[in-house]
Amino acid sequence: MSDTWAWRKSSRSAGSGECVEIARPGAPIVGLRDSKNPQAGHLRVSGPAFAAFLNVIKADRLDA
C-alpha cells in the first residue's frame, strides 16, 4: 500500500539524505519513513498524533 503513497521530505532538509519523509494518504493517517532506507518500512500515526508531535518539536520540548 505505501508504494502508492506520495512521499515527500521537507524543503528545508539538507542534501545529506538524513531525513524523515512523510505521506498523507488520507485522513486520518500520516506515514513516516527514513529517506535513506525507504524499503525498511514505515510508521503509521494518526493525524492528531502527528500534529502533537510537530508541536512538541516546534516548541523545542523534546527530552534528550
N, C-alpha and C. Protein backbone atom coordinates (compact mmCIF):
# COMPACT_ATOMS: atom_id res chain seq x y z
N MET A 1 0.81 -1.19 0.00
CA MET A 1 0.00 0.00 0.00
C MET A 1 0.86 1.26 0.00
N SER A 2 1.95 1.28 0.76
CA SER A 2 2.74 2.51 0.87
C SER A 2 3.46 2.86 -0.42
N ASP A 3 3.58 1.91 -1.36
CA ASP A 3 4.27 2.23 -2.61
C ASP A 3 3.45 3.18 -3.48
N THR A 4 2.17 3.34 -3.19
CA THR A 4 1.33 4.26 -3.95
C THR A 4 1.20 5.61 -3.25
N TRP A 5 1.74 5.73 -2.08
CA TRP A 5 1.68 6.99 -1.34
C TRP A 5 2.66 7.99 -1.94
N ALA A 6 2.34 9.26 -1.87
CA ALA A 6 3.22 10.33 -2.36
C ALA A 6 4.11 10.78 -1.21
N TRP A 7 5.32 10.23 -1.14
CA TRP A 7 6.26 10.55 -0.07
C TRP A 7 6.97 11.85 -0.38
N ARG A 8 7.22 12.65 0.66
CA ARG A 8 7.96 13.90 0.48
C ARG A 8 8.76 14.20 1.74
N LYS A 9 9.79 15.02 1.56
CA LYS A 9 10.56 15.48 2.72
C LYS A 9 10.58 16.99 2.73
N SER A 10 10.96 17.55 3.82
CA SER A 10 10.94 19.00 3.99
C SER A 10 11.81 19.69 2.96
N SER A 11 11.34 20.83 2.50
CA SER A 11 12.15 21.64 1.59
C SER A 11 13.35 22.23 2.31
N ARG A 12 13.34 22.19 3.63
CA ARG A 12 14.46 22.70 4.43
C ARG A 12 15.49 21.62 4.73
N SER A 13 15.27 20.41 4.28
CA SER A 13 16.23 19.35 4.56
C SER A 13 17.51 19.58 3.77
N ALA A 14 18.61 19.20 4.38
CA ALA A 14 19.92 19.36 3.74
C ALA A 14 20.13 18.23 2.73
N GLY A 15 21.18 18.31 1.98
CA GLY A 15 21.48 17.30 0.98
C GLY A 15 22.11 16.04 1.53
N SER A 16 22.22 15.91 2.85
CA SER A 16 22.88 14.76 3.45
C SER A 16 22.06 13.48 3.34
N GLY A 17 20.78 13.60 3.09
CA GLY A 17 19.94 12.41 2.96
C GLY A 17 19.44 11.86 4.27
N GLU A 18 19.74 12.50 5.37
CA GLU A 18 19.29 12.02 6.68
C GLU A 18 17.99 12.72 7.03
N CYS A 19 16.92 12.28 6.41
CA CYS A 19 15.64 12.96 6.55
C CYS A 19 14.53 11.98 6.86
N VAL A 20 13.47 12.52 7.38
CA VAL A 20 12.24 11.78 7.57
C VAL A 20 11.31 12.21 6.45
N GLU A 21 10.73 11.24 5.77
CA GLU A 21 9.74 11.53 4.74
C GLU A 21 8.35 11.29 5.31
N ILE A 22 7.39 12.06 4.84
CA ILE A 22 6.01 11.85 5.26
C ILE A 22 5.13 11.65 4.05
N ALA A 23 4.03 10.98 4.28
CA ALA A 23 3.00 10.80 3.26
C ALA A 23 1.65 11.01 3.93
N ARG A 24 0.75 11.64 3.22
CA ARG A 24 -0.61 11.87 3.72
C ARG A 24 -1.57 11.15 2.78
N PRO A 25 -1.72 9.83 2.93
CA PRO A 25 -2.58 9.09 2.00
C PRO A 25 -4.06 9.42 2.17
N GLY A 26 -4.42 10.02 3.25
CA GLY A 26 -5.80 10.38 3.51
C GLY A 26 -6.04 10.47 5.00
N ALA A 27 -6.95 11.32 5.37
CA ALA A 27 -7.25 11.48 6.79
C ALA A 27 -7.77 10.16 7.32
N PRO A 28 -7.46 9.80 8.49
CA PRO A 28 -6.65 10.48 9.49
C PRO A 28 -5.25 9.89 9.62
N ILE A 29 -4.66 9.37 8.57
CA ILE A 29 -3.38 8.67 8.64
C ILE A 29 -2.23 9.52 8.10
N VAL A 30 -1.08 9.44 8.78
CA VAL A 30 0.17 10.03 8.30
C VAL A 30 1.21 8.92 8.31
N GLY A 31 1.96 8.78 7.24
CA GLY A 31 3.04 7.81 7.17
C GLY A 31 4.38 8.50 7.36
N LEU A 32 5.29 7.82 8.06
CA LEU A 32 6.64 8.33 8.32
C LEU A 32 7.65 7.26 7.94
N ARG A 33 8.73 7.64 7.27
CA ARG A 33 9.78 6.68 6.94
C ARG A 33 11.13 7.38 6.83
N ASP A 34 12.18 6.58 6.86
CA ASP A 34 13.56 7.06 6.73
C ASP A 34 13.88 7.23 5.25
N SER A 35 14.31 8.42 4.86
CA SER A 35 14.60 8.67 3.45
C SER A 35 15.80 7.87 2.95
N LYS A 36 16.71 7.49 3.85
CA LYS A 36 17.89 6.72 3.44
C LYS A 36 17.55 5.26 3.19
N ASN A 37 16.47 4.76 3.81
CA ASN A 37 16.14 3.35 3.71
C ASN A 37 14.62 3.16 3.62
N PRO A 38 14.00 3.62 2.55
CA PRO A 38 12.55 3.52 2.46
C PRO A 38 12.02 2.09 2.41
N GLN A 39 12.88 1.15 1.99
CA GLN A 39 12.46 -0.24 1.92
C GLN A 39 12.30 -0.87 3.31
N ALA A 40 12.80 -0.20 4.34
CA ALA A 40 12.72 -0.74 5.70
C ALA A 40 11.32 -0.64 6.28
N GLY A 41 10.43 0.02 5.59
CA GLY A 41 9.06 0.14 6.07
C GLY A 41 8.76 1.54 6.56
N HIS A 42 7.61 1.67 7.15
CA HIS A 42 7.17 2.98 7.61
C HIS A 42 6.31 2.83 8.85
N LEU A 43 6.11 3.95 9.51
CA LEU A 43 5.21 4.02 10.65
C LEU A 43 3.94 4.72 10.21
N ARG A 44 2.83 4.29 10.77
CA ARG A 44 1.56 4.98 10.55
C ARG A 44 1.12 5.59 11.88
N VAL A 45 0.77 6.85 11.85
CA VAL A 45 0.26 7.52 13.04
C VAL A 45 -1.00 8.29 12.64
N SER A 46 -1.79 8.62 13.65
CA SER A 46 -2.99 9.40 13.37
C SER A 46 -2.61 10.85 13.08
N GLY A 47 -3.45 11.53 12.36
CA GLY A 47 -3.22 12.95 12.09
C GLY A 47 -3.06 13.76 13.36
N PRO A 48 -3.94 13.58 14.37
CA PRO A 48 -3.79 14.33 15.62
C PRO A 48 -2.48 14.01 16.36
N ALA A 49 -2.05 12.75 16.34
CA ALA A 49 -0.79 12.39 17.00
C ALA A 49 0.39 13.05 16.28
N PHE A 50 0.35 13.09 14.96
CA PHE A 50 1.42 13.73 14.20
C PHE A 50 1.46 15.23 14.48
N ALA A 51 0.29 15.86 14.54
CA ALA A 51 0.22 17.29 14.84
C ALA A 51 0.78 17.58 16.23
N ALA A 52 0.47 16.73 17.20
CA ALA A 52 1.01 16.91 18.55
C ALA A 52 2.52 16.76 18.56
N PHE A 53 3.04 15.79 17.81
CA PHE A 53 4.48 15.57 17.69
C PHE A 53 5.16 16.81 17.10
N LEU A 54 4.60 17.36 16.04
CA LEU A 54 5.17 18.57 15.43
C LEU A 54 5.15 19.75 16.40
N ASN A 55 4.08 19.88 17.17
CA ASN A 55 4.00 20.97 18.15
C ASN A 55 5.09 20.86 19.20
N VAL A 56 5.40 19.64 19.64
CA VAL A 56 6.47 19.42 20.62
C VAL A 56 7.81 19.82 20.01
N ILE A 57 8.04 19.44 18.77
CA ILE A 57 9.29 19.79 18.09
C ILE A 57 9.41 21.31 17.93
N LYS A 58 8.35 21.94 17.47
CA LYS A 58 8.37 23.39 17.27
C LYS A 58 8.61 24.15 18.56
N ALA A 59 8.11 23.60 19.67
CA ALA A 59 8.28 24.26 20.97
C ALA A 59 9.59 23.86 21.64
N ASP A 60 10.40 23.02 20.96
CA ASP A 60 11.69 22.56 21.49
C ASP A 60 11.52 21.90 22.86
N ARG A 61 10.52 21.01 22.96
CA ARG A 61 10.25 20.33 24.22
C ARG A 61 10.61 18.86 24.20
N LEU A 62 11.43 18.43 23.27
CA LEU A 62 11.85 17.03 23.24
C LEU A 62 12.93 16.80 24.29
N ASP A 63 12.79 15.73 25.05
CA ASP A 63 13.82 15.36 26.01
C ASP A 63 14.89 14.55 25.29
N ALA A 64 16.13 14.79 25.64
CA ALA A 64 17.25 14.08 25.00
C ALA A 64 17.34 12.67 25.51
